[in-house]
């Protein structure tokens, strides 16, 4: 029983950390919950690594 509680707390903590990272990149914080899904937590970082981040798009708009 205590192991299940630790796993849930660990997933909640990691989801919070990922949500902060996505928020700073300009995406919705809800993407942090996607990182708790087993296959999505492998695919999502690859997508975000090669995607055009909203923060970078806004920076380009401000420079022009």
PDB file of N, CA and C in Angstrom:
ATOM      1  N   UNK A   1       0.809  -1.203   0.000  1.00  0.00           N
ATOM      2  CA  UNK A   1       0.000   0.000   0.000  1.00  0.00           C
ATOM      3  C   UNK A   1       0.854   1.269   0.000  1.00  0.00           C
ATOM      4  N   UNK A   2       1.866   1.383   0.869  1.00  0.00           N
ATOM      5  CA  UNK A   2       2.690   2.595   0.850  1.00  0.00           C
ATOM      6  C   UNK A   2       3.448   2.756  -0.479  1.00  0.00           C
ATOM      7  N   UNK A   3       3.742   1.657  -1.155  1.00  0.00           N
ATOM      8  CA  UNK A   3       4.440   1.741  -2.431  1.00  0.00           C
ATOM      9  C   UNK A   3       3.576   2.426  -3.478  1.00  0.00           C
ATOM     10  N   UNK A   4       2.288   2.125  -3.499  1.00  0.00           N
ATOM     11  CA  UNK A   4       1.374   2.745  -4.447  1.00  0.00           C
ATOM     12  C   UNK A   4       1.295   4.250  -4.200  1.00  0.00           C
ATOM     13  N   UNK A   5       1.267   4.639  -2.951  1.00  0.00           N
ATOM     14  CA  UNK A   5       1.208   6.061  -2.607  1.00  0.00           C
ATOM     15  C   UNK A   5       2.477   6.771  -3.072  1.00  0.00           C
ATOM     16  N   UNK A   6       3.631   6.136  -2.893  1.00  0.00           N
ATOM     17  CA  UNK A   6       4.886   6.731  -3.341  1.00  0.00           C
ATOM     18  C   UNK A   6       4.936   6.860  -4.858  1.00  0.00           C
ATOM     19  N   UNK A   7       4.414   5.872  -5.563  1.00  0.00           N
ATOM     20  CA  UNK A   7       4.384   5.929  -7.025  1.00  0.00           C
ATOM     21  C   UNK A   7       3.480   7.074  -7.490  1.00  0.00           C
ATOM     22  N   UNK A   8       2.317   7.212  -6.880  1.00  0.00           N
ATOM     23  CA  UNK A   8       1.393   8.293  -7.244  1.00  0.00           C
ATOM     24  C   UNK A   8       2.011   9.656  -6.936  1.00  0.00           C
ATOM     25  N   UNK A   9       2.648   9.788  -5.779  1.00  0.00           N
ATOM     26  CA  UNK A   9       3.310  11.048  -5.441  1.00  0.00           C
ATOM     27  C   UNK A   9       4.461  11.343  -6.403  1.00  0.00           C
ATOM     28  N   UNK A  10       5.199  10.319  -6.773  1.00  0.00           N
ATOM     29  CA  UNK A  10       6.295  10.493  -7.729  1.00  0.00           C
ATOM     30  C   UNK A  10       5.797  10.937  -9.089  1.00  0.00           C
ATOM     31  N   UNK A  11       4.711  10.322  -9.573  1.00  0.00           N
ATOM     32  CA  UNK A  11       4.134  10.724 -10.856  1.00  0.00           C
ATOM     33  C   UNK A  11       3.592  12.150 -10.806  1.00  0.00           C
ATOM     34  N   UNK A  12       2.990  12.504  -9.687  1.00  0.00           N
ATOM     35  CA  UNK A  12       2.471  13.866  -9.537  1.00  0.00           C
ATOM     36  C   UNK A  12       3.615  14.881  -9.547  1.00  0.00           C
ATOM     37  N   UNK A  13       4.697  14.558  -8.871  1.00  0.00           N
ATOM     38  CA  UNK A  13       5.851  15.457  -8.829  1.00  0.00           C
ATOM     39  C   UNK A  13       6.485  15.606 -10.215  1.00  0.00           C
ATOM     40  N   UNK A  14       6.669  14.497 -10.925  1.00  0.00           N
ATOM     41  CA  UNK A  14       7.244  14.562 -12.264  1.00  0.00           C
ATOM     42  C   UNK A  14       6.322  15.287 -13.246  1.00  0.00           C
ATOM     43  N   UNK A  15       5.020  15.108 -13.101  1.00  0.00           N
ATOM     44  CA  UNK A  15       4.079  15.834 -13.951  1.00  0.00           C
ATOM     45  C   UNK A  15       4.168  17.331 -13.686  1.00  0.00           C
ATOM     46  N   UNK A  16       4.339  17.699 -12.433  1.00  0.00           N
ATOM     47  CA  UNK A  16       4.494  19.121 -12.098  1.00  0.00           C
ATOM     48  C   UNK A  16       5.767  19.694 -12.720  1.00  0.00           C
ATOM     49  N   UNK A  17       6.871  18.949 -12.622  1.00  0.00           N
ATOM     50  CA  UNK A  17       8.132  19.410 -13.200  1.00  0.00           C
ATOM     51  C   UNK A  17       8.002  19.574 -14.711  1.00  0.00           C
ATOM     52  N   UNK A  18       7.432  18.576 -15.389  1.00  0.00           N
ATOM     53  CA  UNK A  18       7.256  18.656 -16.832  1.00  0.00           C
ATOM     54  C   UNK A  18       6.314  19.799 -17.210  1.00  0.00           C
ATOM     55  N   UNK A  19       5.274  20.018 -16.408  1.00  0.00           N
ATOM     56  CA  UNK A  19       4.345  21.105 -16.734  1.00  0.00           C
ATOM     57  C   UNK A  19       5.047  22.456 -16.650  1.00  0.00           C
ATOM     58  N   UNK A  20       5.953  22.617 -15.710  1.00  0.00           N
ATOM     59  CA  UNK A  20       6.722  23.860 -15.612  1.00  0.00           C
ATOM     60  C   UNK A  20       7.634  24.038 -16.823  1.00  0.00           C
ATOM     61  N   UNK A  21       8.257  22.963 -17.279  1.00  0.00           N
ATOM     62  CA  UNK A  21       9.125  23.030 -18.452  1.00  0.00           C
ATOM     63  C   UNK A  21       8.319  23.412 -19.685  1.00  0.00           C
ATOM     64  N   UNK A  22       7.161  22.767 -19.875  1.00  0.00           N
ATOM     65  CA  UNK A  22       6.339  23.078 -21.040  1.00  0.00           C
ATOM     66  C   UNK A  22       5.815  24.504 -20.985  1.00  0.00           C
ATOM     67  N   UNK A  23       5.487  24.980 -19.796  1.00  0.00           N
ATOM     68  CA  UNK A  23       4.998  26.347 -19.652  1.00  0.00           C
ATOM     69  C   UNK A  23       6.089  27.349 -20.036  1.00  0.00           C
ATOM     70  N   UNK A  24       7.313  27.097 -19.614  1.00  0.00           N
ATOM     71  CA  UNK A  24       8.418  27.996 -19.954  1.00  0.00           C
ATOM     72  C   UNK A  24       8.734  27.968 -21.441  1.00  0.00           C
ATOM     73  N   UNK A  25       8.431  26.851 -22.095  1.00  0.00           N
ATOM     74  CA  UNK A  25       8.650  26.744 -23.542  1.00  0.00           C
ATOM     75  C   UNK A  25       7.524  27.400 -24.327  1.00  0.00           C
ATOM     76  N   UNK A  26       6.441  27.768 -23.652  1.00  0.00           N
ATOM     77  CA  UNK A  26       5.333  28.435 -24.314  1.00  0.00           C
ATOM     78  C   UNK A  26       4.152  27.531 -24.606  1.00  0.00           C
ATOM     79  N   UNK A  27       4.206  26.304 -24.157  1.00  0.00           N
ATOM     80  CA  UNK A  27       3.103  25.368 -24.365  1.00  0.00           C
ATOM     81  C   UNK A  27       2.201  25.340 -23.133  1.00  0.00           C
ATOM     82  N   UNK A  28       1.087  24.649 -23.263  1.00  0.00           N
ATOM     83  CA  UNK A  28       0.152  24.516 -22.155  1.00  0.00           C
ATOM     84  C   UNK A  28       0.758  23.641 -21.056  1.00  0.00           C
ATOM     85  N   UNK A  29       0.412  23.961 -19.811  1.00  0.00           N
ATOM     86  CA  UNK A  29       0.910  23.160 -18.676  1.00  0.00           C
ATOM     87  C   UNK A  29       0.329  21.753 -18.673  1.00  0.00           C
ATOM     88  N   UNK A  30      -0.796  21.555 -19.386  1.00  0.00           N
ATOM     89  CA  UNK A  30      -1.440  20.251 -19.409  1.00  0.00           C
ATOM     90  C   UNK A  30      -0.578  19.191 -20.081  1.00  0.00           C
ATOM     91  N   UNK A  31       0.406  19.604 -20.858  1.00  0.00           N
ATOM     92  CA  UNK A  31       1.307  18.631 -21.476  1.00  0.00           C
ATOM     93  C   UNK A  31       2.084  17.854 -20.413  1.00  0.00           C
ATOM     94  N   UNK A  32       2.188  18.407 -19.206  1.00  0.00           N
ATOM     95  CA  UNK A  32       2.859  17.698 -18.115  1.00  0.00           C
ATOM     96  C   UNK A  32       2.153  16.405 -17.753  1.00  0.00           C
ATOM     97  N   UNK A  33       0.830  16.381 -17.891  1.00  0.00           N
ATOM     98  CA  UNK A  33       0.082  15.150 -17.613  1.00  0.00           C
ATOM     99  C   UNK A  33       0.327  14.083 -18.677  1.00  0.00           C
ATOM    100  N   UNK A  34       0.617  14.515 -19.885  1.00  0.00           N
ATOM    101  CA  UNK A  34       0.901  13.563 -20.962  1.00  0.00           C
ATOM    102  C   UNK A  34       2.151  12.741 -20.623  1.00  0.00           C
ATOM    103  N   UNK A  35       3.046  13.336 -19.880  1.00  0.00           N
ATOM    104  CA  UNK A  35       4.290  12.636 -19.542  1.00  0.00           C
ATOM    105  C   UNK A  35       4.065  11.469 -18.582  1.00  0.00           C
ATOM    106  N   UNK A  36       2.896  11.352 -18.004  1.00  0.00           N
ATOM    107  CA  UNK A  36       2.585  10.217 -17.135  1.00  0.00           C
ATOM    108  C   UNK A  36       2.096   9.006 -17.936  1.00  0.00           C
ATOM    109  N   UNK A  37       1.787   9.206 -19.219  1.00  0.00           N
ATOM    110  CA  UNK A  37       1.320   8.117 -20.080  1.00  0.00           C
ATOM    111  C   UNK A  37       2.549   7.379 -20.609  1.00  0.00           C
ATOM    112  N   UNK A  38       2.607   6.065 -20.456  1.00  0.00           N
ATOM    113  CA  UNK A  38       3.829   5.317 -20.763  1.00  0.00           C
ATOM    114  C   UNK A  38       4.442   5.532 -22.146  1.00  0.00           C
ATOM    115  N   UNK A  39       3.734   5.421 -23.210  1.00  0.00           N
ATOM    116  CA  UNK A  39       4.348   5.578 -24.531  1.00  0.00           C
ATOM    117  C   UNK A  39       4.497   7.049 -24.908  1.00  0.00           C
ATOM    118  N   UNK A  40       3.601   7.876 -24.440  1.00  0.00           N
ATOM    119  CA  UNK A  40       3.645   9.301 -24.764  1.00  0.00           C
ATOM    120  C   UNK A  40       4.856   9.986 -24.147  1.00  0.00           C
ATOM    121  N   UNK A  41       5.335   9.495 -23.025  1.00  0.00           N
ATOM    122  CA  UNK A  41       6.487  10.139 -22.393  1.00  0.00           C
ATOM    123  C   UNK A  41       7.780   9.901 -23.165  1.00  0.00           C
ATOM    124  N   UNK A  42       7.752   9.009 -24.138  1.00  0.00           N
ATOM    125  CA  UNK A  42       8.899   8.808 -25.020  1.00  0.00           C
ATOM    126  C   UNK A  42       8.732   9.630 -26.296  1.00  0.00           C
ATOM    127  N   UNK A  43       7.520   9.703 -26.807  1.00  0.00           N
ATOM    128  CA  UNK A  43       7.256  10.379 -28.076  1.00  0.00           C
ATOM    129  C   UNK A  43       7.202  11.900 -27.902  1.00  0.00           C
ATOM    130  N   UNK A  44       6.604  12.386 -26.841  1.00  0.00           N
ATOM    131  CA  UNK A  44       6.416  13.828 -26.651  1.00  0.00           C
ATOM    132  C   UNK A  44       7.729  14.612 -26.647  1.00  0.00           C
ATOM    133  N   UNK A  45       8.769  14.194 -25.926  1.00  0.00           N
ATOM    134  CA  UNK A  45      10.019  14.973 -25.979  1.00  0.00           C
ATOM    135  C   UNK A  45      10.643  15.015 -27.376  1.00  0.00           C
ATOM    136  N   UNK A  46      10.473  13.949 -28.152  1.00  0.00           N
ATOM    137  CA  UNK A  46      11.003  13.950 -29.522  1.00  0.00           C
ATOM    138  C   UNK A  46      10.244  14.977 -30.361  1.00  0.00           C
ATOM    139  N   UNK A  47       8.928  15.023 -30.207  1.00  0.00           N
ATOM    140  CA  UNK A  47       8.127  15.994 -30.948  1.00  0.00           C
ATOM    141  C   UNK A  47       8.524  17.413 -30.559  1.00  0.00           C
ATOM    142  N   UNK A  48       8.664  17.665 -29.275  1.00  0.00           N
ATOM    143  CA  UNK A  48       9.007  19.004 -28.820  1.00  0.00           C
ATOM    144  C   UNK A  48      10.432  19.383 -29.166  1.00  0.00           C
ATOM    145  N   UNK A  49      11.310  18.422 -29.299  1.00  0.00           N
ATOM    146  CA  UNK A  49      12.690  18.724 -29.655  1.00  0.00           C
ATOM    147  C   UNK A  49      12.790  19.275 -31.072  1.00  0.00           C
ATOM    148  N   UNK A  50      11.929  18.798 -31.965  1.00  0.00           N
ATOM    149  CA  UNK A  50      12.007  19.207 -33.364  1.00  0.00           C
ATOM    150  C   UNK A  50      10.918  20.186 -33.778  1.00  0.00           C
ATOM    151  N   UNK A  51      10.018  20.528 -32.874  1.00  0.00           N
ATOM    152  CA  UNK A  51       8.927  21.460 -33.193  1.00  0.00           C
ATOM    153  C   UNK A  51       9.407  22.904 -33.051  1.00  0.00           C
ATOM    154  N   UNK A  52       8.683  23.811 -33.694  1.00  0.00           N
ATOM    155  CA  UNK A  52       8.943  25.236 -33.537  1.00  0.00           C
ATOM    156  C   UNK A  52       8.221  25.705 -32.271  1.00  0.00           C
ATOM    157  N   UNK A  53       8.972  26.075 -31.249  1.00  0.00           N
ATOM    158  CA  UNK A  53       8.382  26.442 -29.971  1.00  0.00           C
ATOM    159  C   UNK A  53       7.694  27.793 -30.065  1.00  0.00           C
ATOM    160  N   UNK A  54       6.563  27.945 -29.388  1.00  0.00           N
ATOM    161  CA  UNK A  54       5.864  29.237 -29.384  1.00  0.00           C
ATOM    162  C   UNK A  54       6.731  30.377 -28.849  1.00  0.00           C
ATOM    163  N   UNK A  55       7.599  30.093 -27.914  1.00  0.00           N
ATOM    164  CA  UNK A  55       8.469  31.125 -27.358  1.00  0.00           C
ATOM    165  C   UNK A  55       9.417  31.642 -28.434  1.00  0.00           C
ATOM    166  N   UNK A  56       9.959  30.749 -29.234  1.00  0.00           N
ATOM    167  CA  UNK A  56      10.866  31.165 -30.302  1.00  0.00           C
ATOM    168  C   UNK A  56      10.126  31.916 -31.405  1.00  0.00           C
ATOM    169  N   UNK A  57       8.901  31.489 -31.722  1.00  0.00           N
ATOM    170  CA  UNK A  57       8.106  32.181 -32.735  1.00  0.00           C
ATOM    171  C   UNK A  57       7.793  33.612 -32.273  1.00  0.00           C
ATOM    172  N   UNK A  58       7.457  33.773 -31.008  1.00  0.00           N
ATOM    173  CA  UNK A  58       7.166  35.106 -30.476  1.00  0.00           C
ATOM    174  C   UNK A  58       8.415  35.974 -30.485  1.00  0.00           C
ATOM    175  N   UNK A  59       9.556  35.398 -30.166  1.00  0.00           N
ATOM    176  CA  UNK A  59      10.808  36.144 -30.183  1.00  0.00           C
ATOM    177  C   UNK A  59      11.138  36.619 -31.595  1.00  0.00           C
ATOM    178  N   UNK A  60      10.921  35.774 -32.588  1.00  0.00           N
ATOM    179  CA  UNK A  60      11.151  36.180 -33.979  1.00  0.00           C
ATOM    180  C   UNK A  60      10.219  37.323 -34.384  1.00  0.00           C
ATOM    181  N   UNK A  61       8.948  37.248 -33.936  1.00  0.00           N
ATOM    182  CA  UNK A  61       8.002  38.320 -34.241  1.00  0.00           C
ATOM    183  C   UNK A  61       8.433  39.639 -33.605  1.00  0.00           C
ATOM    184  N   UNK A  62       8.956  39.585 -32.393  1.00  0.00           N
ATOM    185  CA  UNK A  62       9.373  40.806 -31.710  1.00  0.00           C
ATOM    186  C   UNK A  62      10.629  41.409 -32.332  1.00  0.00           C
ATOM    187  N   UNK A  63      11.485  40.582 -32.888  1.00  0.00           N
ATOM    188  CA  UNK A  63      12.717  41.080 -33.507  1.00  0.00           C
ATOM    189  C   UNK A  63      12.441  41.739 -34.844  1.00  0.00           C
ATOM    190  N   UNK A  64      11.373  41.360 -35.510  1.00  0.00           N
ATOM    191  CA  UNK A  64      11.078  41.942 -36.836  1.00  0.00           C
ATOM    192  C   UNK A  64      10.251  43.165 -36.736  1.00  0.00           C
TER     193      UNK A  64
END
